[in-house]
Amino acid sequence: MTAAGDGPWLDDAAGRLVRPFTVSNGRTRPTVALDLMSQVRATGATPFGYLGPEHAQALDLCRAPVPVAEVAAHLRLPVAVTKVLLADLVDCGALTDKPPAFHHNPTDRALLEAVLDGLRRQL
């Protein structure tokens, strides 16, 4: 039997040690309006102040334009938390954001049909 502290707190299958909303300091609303399909990209500017490791990971993922939903998937964080992290990076000038092209009509029939066709091809 091992004494407390001898082994790891969590194994790979157990998941995150820190709760997702701890990452965003409990904030649930981003300061920048970001959609799931909004594209974010690193500007090359160095962020000022302290940013957590998740901020650094997000910034690394954004070297090329990437949608918010994809960043959330790679970070394995809820989209709401990811939006807060990305908004922090936009606010400090480290990221730029661009709304999706269909921002004015997100339920465009042609777009939805194209998505459906793509999904059918995958099955």
N, C-alpha and C. Protein backbone atom coordinates (compact mmCIF):
# COMPACT_ATOMS: atom_id res chain seq x y z
N MET A 1 0.84 -1.18 0.00
CA MET A 1 0.00 0.00 0.00
C MET A 1 0.89 1.24 0.00
N THR A 2 0.55 2.22 -0.82
CA THR A 2 1.37 3.42 -0.90
C THR A 2 0.81 4.50 -0.01
N ALA A 3 1.69 5.31 0.51
CA ALA A 3 1.28 6.42 1.37
C ALA A 3 0.70 7.53 0.51
N ALA A 4 -0.15 8.34 1.12
CA ALA A 4 -0.72 9.48 0.40
C ALA A 4 0.41 10.37 -0.11
N GLY A 5 0.32 10.78 -1.36
CA GLY A 5 1.34 11.64 -1.93
C GLY A 5 2.40 10.88 -2.69
N ASP A 6 2.45 9.54 -2.53
CA ASP A 6 3.44 8.76 -3.25
C ASP A 6 3.09 8.60 -4.73
N GLY A 7 1.82 8.53 -5.06
CA GLY A 7 1.39 8.32 -6.43
C GLY A 7 0.78 9.58 -7.03
N PRO A 8 0.48 9.53 -8.31
CA PRO A 8 -0.12 10.69 -8.97
C PRO A 8 -1.54 10.92 -8.47
N TRP A 9 -1.98 12.16 -8.49
CA TRP A 9 -3.34 12.50 -8.07
C TRP A 9 -4.36 11.92 -9.04
N LEU A 10 -4.01 11.95 -10.31
CA LEU A 10 -4.91 11.46 -11.34
C LEU A 10 -4.12 10.71 -12.39
N ASP A 11 -4.75 9.72 -12.99
CA ASP A 11 -4.10 9.09 -14.14
C ASP A 11 -4.72 9.67 -15.41
N ASP A 12 -4.22 9.26 -16.56
CA ASP A 12 -4.69 9.82 -17.83
C ASP A 12 -6.18 9.60 -18.04
N ALA A 13 -6.71 8.51 -17.55
CA ALA A 13 -8.13 8.21 -17.76
C ALA A 13 -9.04 9.02 -16.85
N ALA A 14 -8.50 9.58 -15.79
CA ALA A 14 -9.33 10.31 -14.83
C ALA A 14 -9.74 11.69 -15.30
N GLY A 15 -8.96 12.30 -16.16
CA GLY A 15 -9.33 13.61 -16.68
C GLY A 15 -8.58 14.75 -16.01
N ARG A 16 -9.16 15.94 -16.16
CA ARG A 16 -8.54 17.17 -15.69
C ARG A 16 -8.52 17.26 -14.16
N LEU A 17 -7.45 17.80 -13.63
CA LEU A 17 -7.36 18.05 -12.20
C LEU A 17 -8.10 19.33 -11.84
N VAL A 18 -8.09 20.30 -12.75
CA VAL A 18 -8.70 21.60 -12.51
C VAL A 18 -10.03 21.68 -13.25
N ARG A 19 -11.06 22.17 -12.59
CA ARG A 19 -12.37 22.33 -13.21
C ARG A 19 -12.28 23.36 -14.32
N PRO A 20 -13.02 23.15 -15.42
CA PRO A 20 -12.93 24.06 -16.58
C PRO A 20 -13.16 25.53 -16.24
N PHE A 21 -14.14 25.86 -15.42
CA PHE A 21 -14.42 27.26 -15.16
C PHE A 21 -13.41 27.91 -14.22
N THR A 22 -12.53 27.10 -13.62
CA THR A 22 -11.42 27.65 -12.87
C THR A 22 -10.42 28.27 -13.82
N VAL A 23 -10.33 27.69 -15.00
CA VAL A 23 -9.40 28.17 -16.04
C VAL A 23 -9.74 29.61 -16.43
N SER A 24 -11.04 29.93 -16.45
CA SER A 24 -11.46 31.29 -16.84
C SER A 24 -11.77 32.15 -15.61
N ASN A 25 -11.29 31.74 -14.46
CA ASN A 25 -11.53 32.46 -13.20
C ASN A 25 -13.02 32.64 -12.92
N GLY A 26 -13.81 31.65 -13.33
CA GLY A 26 -15.25 31.69 -13.07
C GLY A 26 -16.04 32.54 -14.05
N ARG A 27 -15.35 33.19 -14.97
CA ARG A 27 -16.06 34.04 -15.94
C ARG A 27 -16.74 33.16 -16.98
N THR A 28 -17.96 33.53 -17.35
CA THR A 28 -18.70 32.75 -18.34
C THR A 28 -19.04 33.55 -19.58
N ARG A 29 -18.76 34.84 -19.56
CA ARG A 29 -19.07 35.68 -20.71
C ARG A 29 -17.81 36.34 -21.25
N PRO A 30 -17.52 36.10 -22.53
CA PRO A 30 -16.34 36.74 -23.13
C PRO A 30 -16.59 38.23 -23.36
N THR A 31 -15.54 39.00 -23.40
CA THR A 31 -15.65 40.44 -23.66
C THR A 31 -15.77 40.74 -25.14
N VAL A 32 -15.55 39.75 -25.98
CA VAL A 32 -15.63 39.87 -27.43
C VAL A 32 -16.69 38.89 -27.93
N ALA A 33 -17.52 39.32 -28.87
CA ALA A 33 -18.55 38.44 -29.42
C ALA A 33 -17.89 37.42 -30.34
N LEU A 34 -17.85 36.18 -29.91
CA LEU A 34 -17.25 35.10 -30.71
C LEU A 34 -18.32 34.06 -30.99
N ASP A 35 -18.39 33.63 -32.23
CA ASP A 35 -19.29 32.58 -32.67
C ASP A 35 -18.49 31.29 -32.72
N LEU A 36 -19.18 30.15 -32.76
CA LEU A 36 -18.46 28.87 -32.89
C LEU A 36 -17.59 28.83 -34.13
N MET A 37 -18.05 29.49 -35.19
CA MET A 37 -17.31 29.46 -36.45
C MET A 37 -16.43 30.69 -36.66
N SER A 38 -16.37 31.59 -35.68
CA SER A 38 -15.47 32.74 -35.79
C SER A 38 -14.04 32.24 -35.95
N GLN A 39 -13.31 32.89 -36.82
CA GLN A 39 -11.91 32.52 -37.04
C GLN A 39 -11.03 33.38 -36.15
N VAL A 40 -10.08 32.76 -35.46
CA VAL A 40 -9.12 33.48 -34.64
C VAL A 40 -7.72 33.16 -35.15
N ARG A 41 -6.85 34.17 -35.04
CA ARG A 41 -5.48 34.00 -35.53
C ARG A 41 -4.53 34.82 -34.68
N ALA A 42 -3.37 34.26 -34.41
CA ALA A 42 -2.35 34.96 -33.63
C ALA A 42 -1.81 36.13 -34.43
N THR A 43 -1.56 37.24 -33.74
CA THR A 43 -1.03 38.43 -34.39
C THR A 43 0.49 38.47 -34.35
N GLY A 44 1.09 37.70 -33.46
CA GLY A 44 2.54 37.75 -33.29
C GLY A 44 2.94 38.65 -32.14
N ALA A 45 1.98 39.43 -31.62
CA ALA A 45 2.27 40.30 -30.47
C ALA A 45 2.38 39.45 -29.21
N THR A 46 3.27 39.84 -28.33
CA THR A 46 3.44 39.13 -27.07
C THR A 46 2.40 39.64 -26.08
N PRO A 47 1.60 38.73 -25.52
CA PRO A 47 0.61 39.16 -24.52
C PRO A 47 1.29 39.73 -23.28
N PHE A 48 0.69 40.75 -22.71
CA PHE A 48 1.25 41.31 -21.48
C PHE A 48 0.50 40.74 -20.29
N GLY A 49 1.16 40.75 -19.14
CA GLY A 49 0.54 40.23 -17.93
C GLY A 49 0.59 38.71 -17.89
N TYR A 50 0.04 38.17 -16.81
CA TYR A 50 0.05 36.72 -16.64
C TYR A 50 -1.09 36.08 -17.41
N LEU A 51 -0.78 35.09 -18.18
CA LEU A 51 -1.78 34.26 -18.83
C LEU A 51 -1.50 32.82 -18.43
N GLY A 52 -2.55 32.08 -18.23
CA GLY A 52 -2.41 30.70 -17.80
C GLY A 52 -1.92 29.80 -18.91
N PRO A 53 -1.62 28.54 -18.58
CA PRO A 53 -1.14 27.60 -19.58
C PRO A 53 -2.16 27.35 -20.70
N GLU A 54 -3.44 27.42 -20.38
CA GLU A 54 -4.47 27.23 -21.41
C GLU A 54 -4.45 28.36 -22.42
N HIS A 55 -4.15 29.59 -21.96
CA HIS A 55 -4.01 30.72 -22.87
C HIS A 55 -2.86 30.46 -23.85
N ALA A 56 -1.74 29.97 -23.31
CA ALA A 56 -0.58 29.69 -24.15
C ALA A 56 -0.89 28.59 -25.16
N GLN A 57 -1.61 27.56 -24.71
CA GLN A 57 -1.98 26.48 -25.63
C GLN A 57 -2.90 27.01 -26.73
N ALA A 58 -3.87 27.84 -26.37
CA ALA A 58 -4.79 28.41 -27.35
C ALA A 58 -4.03 29.27 -28.35
N LEU A 59 -3.13 30.08 -27.85
CA LEU A 59 -2.34 30.94 -28.73
C LEU A 59 -1.50 30.12 -29.71
N ASP A 60 -0.95 29.02 -29.22
CA ASP A 60 -0.16 28.14 -30.08
C ASP A 60 -1.02 27.51 -31.19
N LEU A 61 -2.26 27.18 -30.85
CA LEU A 61 -3.17 26.59 -31.84
C LEU A 61 -3.58 27.58 -32.92
N CYS A 62 -3.47 28.87 -32.62
CA CYS A 62 -3.97 29.91 -33.52
C CYS A 62 -2.90 30.52 -34.42
N ARG A 63 -1.83 29.79 -34.66
CA ARG A 63 -0.79 30.31 -35.56
C ARG A 63 -1.34 30.53 -36.96
N ALA A 64 -2.28 29.69 -37.36
CA ALA A 64 -3.02 29.86 -38.61
C ALA A 64 -4.48 30.09 -38.23
N PRO A 65 -5.29 30.69 -39.10
CA PRO A 65 -6.69 30.90 -38.75
C PRO A 65 -7.39 29.59 -38.40
N VAL A 66 -8.13 29.60 -37.31
CA VAL A 66 -8.80 28.40 -36.83
C VAL A 66 -10.14 28.82 -36.20
N PRO A 67 -11.19 28.02 -36.39
CA PRO A 67 -12.47 28.36 -35.77
C PRO A 67 -12.45 28.13 -34.25
N VAL A 68 -13.26 28.89 -33.55
CA VAL A 68 -13.36 28.79 -32.10
C VAL A 68 -13.70 27.35 -31.67
N ALA A 69 -14.61 26.72 -32.38
CA ALA A 69 -15.02 25.35 -32.03
C ALA A 69 -13.84 24.38 -32.09
N GLU A 70 -12.96 24.57 -33.04
CA GLU A 70 -11.80 23.68 -33.16
C GLU A 70 -10.81 23.90 -32.01
N VAL A 71 -10.63 25.16 -31.61
CA VAL A 71 -9.75 25.45 -30.48
C VAL A 71 -10.30 24.77 -29.22
N ALA A 72 -11.62 24.88 -29.01
CA ALA A 72 -12.25 24.25 -27.85
C ALA A 72 -12.03 22.74 -27.86
N ALA A 73 -12.17 22.14 -29.03
CA ALA A 73 -11.98 20.69 -29.15
C ALA A 73 -10.54 20.29 -28.81
N HIS A 74 -9.58 21.03 -29.31
CA HIS A 74 -8.17 20.71 -29.04
C HIS A 74 -7.82 20.92 -27.56
N LEU A 75 -8.40 21.95 -26.96
CA LEU A 75 -8.12 22.22 -25.55
C LEU A 75 -8.92 21.31 -24.62
N ARG A 76 -9.93 20.65 -25.16
CA ARG A 76 -10.83 19.81 -24.37
C ARG A 76 -11.49 20.61 -23.26
N LEU A 77 -11.96 21.80 -23.64
CA LEU A 77 -12.66 22.68 -22.73
C LEU A 77 -14.03 23.01 -23.30
N PRO A 78 -14.99 23.35 -22.44
CA PRO A 78 -16.28 23.80 -22.96
C PRO A 78 -16.10 25.05 -23.82
N VAL A 79 -16.97 25.21 -24.79
CA VAL A 79 -16.86 26.36 -25.70
C VAL A 79 -16.96 27.67 -24.93
N ALA A 80 -17.82 27.74 -23.92
CA ALA A 80 -17.97 28.98 -23.14
C ALA A 80 -16.65 29.38 -22.49
N VAL A 81 -15.93 28.42 -21.95
CA VAL A 81 -14.63 28.70 -21.33
C VAL A 81 -13.62 29.10 -22.39
N THR A 82 -13.62 28.39 -23.51
CA THR A 82 -12.69 28.70 -24.60
C THR A 82 -12.92 30.11 -25.12
N LYS A 83 -14.17 30.52 -25.26
CA LYS A 83 -14.47 31.88 -25.73
C LYS A 83 -13.90 32.92 -24.78
N VAL A 84 -13.98 32.68 -23.49
CA VAL A 84 -13.42 33.62 -22.51
C VAL A 84 -11.91 33.70 -22.66
N LEU A 85 -11.25 32.55 -22.81
CA LEU A 85 -9.79 32.54 -22.99
C LEU A 85 -9.39 33.28 -24.26
N LEU A 86 -10.09 32.99 -25.35
CA LEU A 86 -9.77 33.64 -26.62
C LEU A 86 -10.04 35.14 -26.56
N ALA A 87 -11.13 35.53 -25.88
CA ALA A 87 -11.43 36.96 -25.73
C ALA A 87 -10.32 37.66 -24.95
N ASP A 88 -9.77 37.00 -23.93
CA ASP A 88 -8.63 37.56 -23.18
C ASP A 88 -7.47 37.84 -24.13
N LEU A 89 -7.22 36.90 -25.03
CA LEU A 89 -6.10 37.05 -25.98
C LEU A 89 -6.39 38.13 -27.03
N VAL A 90 -7.64 38.27 -27.43
CA VAL A 90 -8.01 39.36 -28.35
C VAL A 90 -7.84 40.70 -27.64
N ASP A 91 -8.30 40.78 -26.40
CA ASP A 91 -8.21 42.02 -25.62
C ASP A 91 -6.78 42.50 -25.45
N CYS A 92 -5.83 41.57 -25.31
CA CYS A 92 -4.44 41.99 -25.11
C CYS A 92 -3.67 42.10 -26.43
N GLY A 93 -4.36 41.92 -27.55
CA GLY A 93 -3.73 42.12 -28.85
C GLY A 93 -2.98 40.92 -29.40
N ALA A 94 -3.05 39.78 -28.73
CA ALA A 94 -2.33 38.60 -29.19
C ALA A 94 -3.09 37.83 -30.27
N LEU A 95 -4.41 38.03 -30.36
CA LEU A 95 -5.24 37.37 -31.38
C LEU A 95 -6.11 38.39 -32.09
N THR A 96 -6.45 38.07 -33.32
CA THR A 96 -7.50 38.82 -34.02
C THR A 96 -8.63 37.85 -34.28
N ASP A 97 -9.83 38.38 -34.42
CA ASP A 97 -10.98 37.53 -34.71
C ASP A 97 -11.71 38.04 -35.93
N LYS A 98 -12.35 37.12 -36.61
CA LYS A 98 -13.13 37.44 -37.81
C LYS A 98 -14.42 36.64 -37.73
N PRO A 99 -15.56 37.34 -37.79
CA PRO A 99 -16.83 36.59 -37.71
C PRO A 99 -17.00 35.68 -38.92
N PRO A 100 -17.83 34.65 -38.79
CA PRO A 100 -18.05 33.75 -39.93
C PRO A 100 -18.69 34.49 -41.10
N ALA A 101 -18.47 33.99 -42.29
CA ALA A 101 -18.99 34.64 -43.50
C ALA A 101 -20.51 34.69 -43.52
N PHE A 102 -21.16 33.73 -42.91
CA PHE A 102 -22.62 33.68 -42.92
C PHE A 102 -23.22 34.33 -41.68
N HIS A 103 -22.50 35.23 -41.05
CA HIS A 103 -22.90 35.84 -39.79
C HIS A 103 -24.32 36.42 -39.83
N HIS A 104 -24.71 37.01 -40.95
CA HIS A 104 -26.02 37.65 -41.02
C HIS A 104 -27.15 36.66 -41.22
N ASN A 105 -26.88 35.48 -41.75
CA ASN A 105 -27.92 34.49 -41.99
C ASN A 105 -27.38 33.10 -41.67
N PRO A 106 -27.27 32.77 -40.37
CA PRO A 106 -26.65 31.50 -40.00
C PRO A 106 -27.47 30.28 -40.40
N THR A 107 -28.72 30.44 -40.78
CA THR A 107 -29.54 29.30 -41.18
C THR A 107 -29.78 29.31 -42.69
N ASP A 108 -28.82 29.81 -43.43
CA ASP A 108 -28.91 29.83 -44.89
C ASP A 108 -29.12 28.40 -45.39
N ARG A 109 -30.17 28.19 -46.16
CA ARG A 109 -30.53 26.85 -46.63
C ARG A 109 -29.40 26.20 -47.44
N ALA A 110 -28.77 26.97 -48.32
CA ALA A 110 -27.69 26.43 -49.15
C ALA A 110 -26.54 25.93 -48.27
N LEU A 111 -26.21 26.69 -47.23
CA LEU A 111 -25.13 26.28 -46.33
C LEU A 111 -25.51 25.00 -45.60
N LEU A 112 -26.72 24.94 -45.08
CA LEU A 112 -27.15 23.75 -44.35
C LEU A 112 -27.18 22.52 -45.26
N GLU A 113 -27.59 22.70 -46.52
CA GLU A 113 -27.60 21.58 -47.46
C GLU A 113 -26.18 21.11 -47.77
N ALA A 114 -25.26 22.06 -47.89
CA ALA A 114 -23.86 21.70 -48.15
C ALA A 114 -23.28 20.91 -46.97
N VAL A 115 -23.61 21.31 -45.76
CA VAL A 115 -23.14 20.58 -44.57
C VAL A 115 -23.74 19.18 -44.56
N LEU A 116 -25.03 19.08 -44.84
CA LEU A 116 -25.69 17.78 -44.87
C LEU A 116 -25.08 16.87 -45.93
N ASP A 117 -24.82 17.41 -47.11
CA ASP A 117 -24.18 16.62 -48.17
C ASP A 117 -22.80 16.11 -47.73
N GLY A 118 -22.04 16.99 -47.08
CA GLY A 118 -20.71 16.60 -46.60
C GLY A 118 -20.80 15.50 -45.56
N LEU A 119 -21.77 15.59 -44.66
CA LEU A 119 -21.95 14.56 -43.65
C LEU A 119 -22.36 13.22 -44.28
N ARG A 120 -23.23 13.28 -45.27
CA ARG A 120 -23.66 12.06 -45.95
C ARG A 120 -22.49 11.37 -46.65
N ARG A 121 -21.58 12.15 -47.22
CA ARG A 121 -20.41 11.58 -47.90
C ARG A 121 -19.50 10.87 -46.91
N GLN A 122 -19.48 11.34 -45.66
CA GLN A 122 -18.63 10.74 -44.64
C GLN A 122 -19.17 9.42 -44.14
N LEU A 123 -20.48 9.18 -44.31
CA LEU A 123 -21.09 7.96 -43.77
C LEU A 123 -21.03 6.83 -44.72
